[in-house]
Every structure is written in structure tokens, then in C-alpha cells.
Amino acid sequence: MPDPAPETPAHAPVERDEARFADRRDAGRVLAGRLSSYAHRDDVLVLALPRGGVPVGAEVARALGVPLDILVVRKLGLPGQPEYAMGAIAMGDVRVLNTQVIQQLALSYSAIDLVTRAEIRELHRREKLYRGDRAMPVVEGRVLILVDDGMATGASMRAAVQALRDLHPARIVVAVPVSSPQTCHLLTQDADEVICARTPERFRSVGQWYERFEQTSDEEVRRVLAESLVSSN
């Protein structure tokens, strides 16, 4: 099985005029500036994709004066190479597959289903961990702003959008600080609006565009959500 081309490390050099974000919270503040038309509206809800999207989404929600919640999405990694995505799943067991990767590597659907079942279990575990007994907020008729820390292939965000369509929101807005130009354009086929604060032509990985890109912990996700619930009450 040929290996896909590896992602460029987070510390890979960028052009001098292409500034990095300091961290995810800095990225969230920049992104919020592109979403000012949604500020202080009672029909707007920010849904962040854990884990890295949560600190970004928290800054967006704070700046806009709207509630924050989460939508758990899981990447489907290649068998034996989990760092490489062949798709993603979201709530309702919605699955989005990268058919190009699957065909290129001649992956069997039994192998894909095996990975999918394992990730569905992990998705349900994380939903319970982050949300506890608190129900998913009502999204019907609301404007949903889906936030992540960036998009490479866009598989996770596409799964998130498709999972929400059946819940009849008024509008789905995809918002990220950085994305490859191709993926940002691709998401316009799924979402009602796509806002990518930066779309560098030399994009190789999301982490490349952050000065600090440490992994967001489960504890931070839970803390940010708890703080958001307190501030919204």
C-alpha cells in the first residue's frame, strides 16, 4: 500500500508576509471580526468541533455575544496509519468518505467499516465525556456557525454539515481561521456560507499557520464549555 504524502510539520517555514496566528484564541478573535453581522442575535449558535475548534469557537462566541456548544466529529484514519484521513463521522453516525484516497489505496469497505465502528464508539464516548447528561441544544430554525481551528481536507467539517442538515437549521455557516483555498471552495457545496479568514496558497497543514499549536485536552474542552454555560445563564 503506497503511503500518502506526509503533511508538512507545524513548524515549516512560511512566507514573511503570511503571518501566523499566535494561538487558537488569537485565531478566534481574528475570525470573529469576519462574523460581525451575526453578533448579538438570539437565533445564532456557535458549534465548535472538539478538540482544537473549542478555544477558537469560545473566542468567536464571546465576541459575538452568542451561545457556544460543541459538535463531536471523528476523523476516520487509514488502517494502520490513523494520522491520515480517509473520511470522517459525526453525530447520527453520518459518514463522509474521501473516495479519491480509498480508490488510490484500494481500500476494502470491510476495512473502512472496521475503522468506522471503532470511531463511532469513540465519538459516543466523547459526547458523553464533554456533554454529560446535557442534551444537544435545539438547532431547528437557528443560524449555526460551525467553527474549527482550520481545514486541510475538510472531511470533518463536511460530516458536521451533513449531520446538521437533517435537524433543519435556518442556515449553516462554516467558519475557520485558515484553510487551503481548494477546501474552502469545496465547502461552499455543503454549507450556506463559508468564511475562511486566511486561504494561503502555500498551505500544507493547519498547524503551519500557528505559532503555538499544542493539542487541546479533554479537560480544556470541558472547562471552556462549563464557563460558556455559566456566562450564558
Protein backbone atom coordinates (compact mmCIF):
# COMPACT_ATOMS: atom_id res chain seq x y z
CA MET A 1 0.00 0.00 0.00
CA PRO A 2 1.67 3.30 -1.02
CA ASP A 3 1.96 5.92 1.67
CA PRO A 4 0.18 9.24 1.18
CA ALA A 5 2.43 12.29 1.11
CA PRO A 6 3.08 13.36 4.71
CA GLU A 7 1.84 16.69 5.99
CA THR A 8 4.34 19.49 6.42
CA PRO A 9 5.27 19.85 10.11
CA ALA A 10 3.67 22.64 12.10
CA HIS A 11 6.99 24.49 12.28
CA ALA A 12 7.51 24.54 8.49
CA PRO A 13 8.56 27.98 7.25
CA VAL A 14 6.01 30.35 5.75
CA GLU A 15 6.45 33.41 3.61
CA ARG A 16 7.33 36.55 5.53
CA ASP A 17 4.11 38.36 4.58
CA GLU A 18 1.90 35.43 5.59
CA ALA A 19 1.55 35.97 9.35
CA ARG A 20 0.77 33.08 11.67
CA PHE A 21 -1.81 33.23 14.43
CA ALA A 22 -0.29 33.38 17.91
CA ASP A 23 -2.56 30.56 19.11
CA ARG A 24 -6.13 29.30 18.77
CA ARG A 25 -7.60 32.09 20.87
CA ASP A 26 -5.88 34.71 18.75
CA ALA A 27 -7.26 32.94 15.67
CA GLY A 28 -10.75 33.03 17.19
CA ARG A 29 -10.57 36.79 17.73
CA VAL A 30 -9.48 37.33 14.13
CA LEU A 31 -12.22 35.04 12.85
CA ALA A 32 -14.87 36.80 14.95
CA GLY A 33 -14.09 40.00 13.08
CA ARG A 34 -15.31 38.32 9.89
CA LEU A 35 -18.58 37.29 11.56
CA SER A 36 -19.72 40.62 12.98
CA SER A 37 -23.03 40.51 11.09
CA TYR A 38 -24.09 37.63 13.39
CA ALA A 39 -23.35 39.47 16.65
CA HIS A 40 -25.94 39.69 19.44
CA ARG A 41 -28.62 37.73 17.58
CA ASP A 42 -30.81 35.39 19.60
CA ASP A 43 -31.10 32.93 16.69
CA VAL A 44 -27.34 32.30 16.39
CA LEU A 45 -25.43 29.39 17.95
CA VAL A 46 -21.71 28.68 17.66
CA LEU A 47 -20.91 24.96 17.42
CA ALA A 48 -17.21 24.18 17.85
CA LEU A 49 -15.58 20.94 16.69
CA PRO A 50 -13.58 19.38 19.55
CA ARG A 51 -10.98 19.45 20.41
CA GLY A 52 -8.98 22.15 18.62
CA GLY A 53 -12.02 24.08 17.47
CA VAL A 54 -13.25 24.72 21.01
CA PRO A 55 -10.85 27.51 22.08
CA VAL A 56 -11.38 29.14 18.67
CA GLY A 57 -15.16 28.84 18.99
CA ALA A 58 -15.10 30.19 22.54
CA GLU A 59 -13.49 33.42 21.36
CA VAL A 60 -15.95 33.70 18.46
CA ALA A 61 -18.96 33.16 20.73
CA ARG A 62 -17.62 35.64 23.30
CA ALA A 63 -17.00 38.34 20.71
CA LEU A 64 -20.40 37.86 19.06
CA GLY A 65 -22.29 37.59 22.35
CA VAL A 66 -23.94 34.29 21.38
CA PRO A 67 -24.04 30.80 22.99
CA LEU A 68 -21.35 28.18 22.47
CA ASP A 69 -21.76 24.43 22.24
CA ILE A 70 -19.97 21.54 20.54
CA LEU A 71 -20.47 19.08 17.72
CA VAL A 72 -18.26 16.00 18.07
CA VAL A 73 -16.74 14.77 14.81
CA ARG A 74 -14.21 11.96 14.40
CA LYS A 75 -11.66 11.54 11.65
CA LEU A 76 -11.50 8.12 10.00
CA GLY A 77 -7.82 7.25 9.78
CA LEU A 78 -6.33 4.78 7.36
CA PRO A 79 -5.94 1.23 8.75
CA GLY A 80 -2.52 1.12 10.36
CA GLN A 81 -1.96 4.82 9.62
CA PRO A 82 -4.51 6.66 11.77
CA GLU A 83 -2.91 10.07 11.22
CA TYR A 84 -4.04 10.07 7.57
CA ALA A 85 -7.75 10.73 6.97
CA MET A 86 -9.91 8.73 4.61
CA GLY A 87 -13.10 10.39 5.87
CA ALA A 88 -14.98 11.43 8.99
CA ILE A 89 -18.11 10.72 11.02
CA ALA A 90 -20.44 12.97 13.03
CA MET A 91 -23.49 12.59 15.26
CA GLY A 92 -26.27 10.44 13.87
CA ASP A 93 -23.44 8.21 12.58
CA VAL A 94 -23.18 10.37 9.46
CA ARG A 95 -20.13 9.30 7.44
CA VAL A 96 -18.24 11.22 4.76
CA LEU A 97 -15.58 9.31 2.81
CA ASN A 98 -12.70 10.54 0.67
CA THR A 99 -13.32 8.35 -2.36
CA GLN A 100 -10.13 9.52 -4.05
CA VAL A 101 -7.97 8.20 -1.19
CA ILE A 102 -10.00 5.00 -0.93
CA GLN A 103 -9.66 4.27 -4.64
CA GLN A 104 -6.00 5.26 -4.78
CA LEU A 105 -5.11 2.87 -1.96
CA ALA A 106 -7.61 0.16 -2.98
CA LEU A 107 -9.14 0.04 0.49
CA SER A 108 -11.81 -2.58 1.09
CA TYR A 109 -15.13 -1.49 2.53
CA SER A 110 -14.82 -4.12 5.25
CA ALA A 111 -11.63 -2.39 6.42
CA ILE A 112 -13.36 1.00 6.26
CA ASP A 113 -16.32 -0.33 8.24
CA LEU A 114 -13.99 -1.71 10.92
CA VAL A 115 -12.41 1.73 11.43
CA THR A 116 -15.85 3.35 11.32
CA ARG A 117 -17.26 1.14 14.10
CA ALA A 118 -14.30 1.92 16.35
CA GLU A 119 -14.61 5.65 15.75
CA ILE A 120 -18.38 5.61 16.35
CA ARG A 121 -17.69 4.14 19.79
CA GLU A 122 -15.12 6.86 20.45
CA LEU A 123 -17.48 9.57 19.19
CA HIS A 124 -20.21 8.43 21.59
CA ARG A 125 -17.67 8.26 24.45
CA ARG A 126 -16.51 11.80 23.82
CA GLU A 127 -20.04 13.14 23.53
CA LYS A 128 -20.74 11.68 26.96
CA LEU A 129 -17.44 13.00 28.36
CA TYR A 130 -17.95 16.55 27.11
CA ARG A 131 -21.71 16.91 27.38
CA GLY A 132 -22.60 14.60 30.26
CA ASP A 133 -26.37 14.35 30.57
CA ARG A 134 -26.94 17.73 28.94
CA ALA A 135 -28.90 17.40 25.69
CA MET A 136 -27.81 18.84 22.38
CA PRO A 137 -29.30 22.35 22.07
CA VAL A 138 -32.22 22.89 19.72
CA VAL A 139 -30.88 23.85 16.31
CA GLU A 140 -34.04 23.86 14.21
CA GLY A 141 -34.63 27.31 12.77
CA ARG A 142 -31.34 28.70 14.11
CA VAL A 143 -28.24 30.03 12.39
CA LEU A 144 -25.38 27.63 13.18
CA ILE A 145 -21.77 28.80 12.97
CA LEU A 146 -19.54 25.72 12.75
CA VAL A 147 -16.01 26.51 13.93
CA ASP A 148 -12.75 24.58 13.80
CA ASP A 149 -9.12 25.66 14.07
CA GLY A 150 -8.60 25.09 10.34
CA MET A 151 -9.36 22.83 7.41
CA ALA A 152 -6.98 20.61 5.47
CA THR A 153 -9.09 18.01 3.62
CA GLY A 154 -12.39 19.33 5.04
CA ALA A 155 -13.72 15.82 5.75
CA SER A 156 -14.58 16.56 9.38
CA MET A 157 -16.38 19.78 8.54
CA ARG A 158 -18.33 18.17 5.69
CA ALA A 159 -19.50 15.42 8.04
CA ALA A 160 -20.56 18.07 10.56
CA VAL A 161 -22.57 19.99 7.98
CA GLN A 162 -24.30 16.88 6.68
CA ALA A 163 -25.18 15.73 10.21
CA LEU A 164 -26.88 19.06 10.92
CA ARG A 165 -28.90 19.28 7.71
CA ASP A 166 -31.46 16.76 8.93
CA LEU A 167 -32.08 18.93 12.02
CA HIS A 168 -33.43 21.78 9.83
CA PRO A 169 -31.36 24.79 10.85
CA ALA A 170 -32.16 28.08 9.16
CA ARG A 171 -28.57 28.49 7.96
CA ILE A 172 -25.22 26.74 8.33
CA VAL A 173 -22.11 28.90 8.31
CA VAL A 174 -18.69 27.25 8.22
CA ALA A 175 -16.04 29.48 9.80
CA VAL A 176 -12.34 28.71 10.22
CA PRO A 177 -9.23 30.84 10.71
CA VAL A 178 -7.24 29.11 7.96
CA SER A 179 -7.85 26.66 5.14
CA SER A 180 -6.40 25.56 1.87
CA PRO A 181 -8.08 27.54 -0.93
CA GLN A 182 -9.38 24.33 -2.53
CA THR A 183 -11.03 23.06 0.66
CA CYS A 184 -12.56 26.44 1.44
CA HIS A 185 -14.15 26.42 -2.02
CA LEU A 186 -15.22 22.76 -1.67
CA LEU A 187 -17.24 23.52 1.47
CA THR A 188 -19.39 26.03 -0.44
CA GLN A 189 -21.11 22.96 -1.93
CA ASP A 190 -22.24 21.88 1.56
CA ALA A 191 -22.71 24.98 3.72
CA ASP A 192 -24.84 28.07 3.12
CA GLU A 193 -21.84 30.31 3.78
CA VAL A 194 -18.13 29.63 4.20
CA ILE A 195 -15.77 32.08 5.89
CA CYS A 196 -12.06 31.26 5.84
CA ALA A 197 -10.12 34.15 7.38
CA ARG A 198 -6.98 33.10 5.52
CA THR A 199 -6.52 30.86 2.48
CA PRO A 200 -2.74 30.79 1.85
CA GLU A 201 -1.64 29.34 -1.48
CA ARG A 202 1.30 27.65 0.26
CA PHE A 203 -0.98 25.79 2.68
CA ARG A 204 0.36 22.38 3.73
CA SER A 205 -1.10 21.82 7.21
CA VAL A 206 -3.25 23.69 9.72
CA GLY A 207 -0.54 23.78 12.38
CA GLN A 208 1.84 25.50 9.99
CA TRP A 209 -0.17 28.70 10.45
CA TYR A 210 0.04 28.87 14.25
CA GLU A 211 2.97 29.96 16.42
CA ARG A 212 1.64 27.71 19.21
CA PHE A 213 -0.40 24.65 18.26
CA GLU A 214 -0.39 22.41 21.32
CA GLN A 215 -3.01 19.68 21.47
CA THR A 216 -6.22 20.80 23.19
CA SER A 217 -7.01 18.49 26.12
CA ASP A 218 -10.34 16.96 27.10
CA GLU A 219 -10.10 18.92 30.35
CA GLU A 220 -9.83 22.21 28.47
CA VAL A 221 -12.86 21.34 26.33
CA ARG A 222 -14.93 20.62 29.43
CA ARG A 223 -13.70 23.76 31.21
CA VAL A 224 -14.48 26.03 28.25
CA LEU A 225 -17.97 24.54 27.91
CA ALA A 226 -18.64 24.94 31.64
CA GLU A 227 -17.52 28.58 31.51
CA SER A 228 -19.75 29.20 28.50
CA LEU A 229 -22.78 27.72 30.24
CA VAL A 230 -22.22 29.93 33.30
CA SER A 231 -21.82 33.09 31.23
CA SER A 232 -24.93 32.38 29.15
CA ASN A 233 -27.18 31.92 32.21
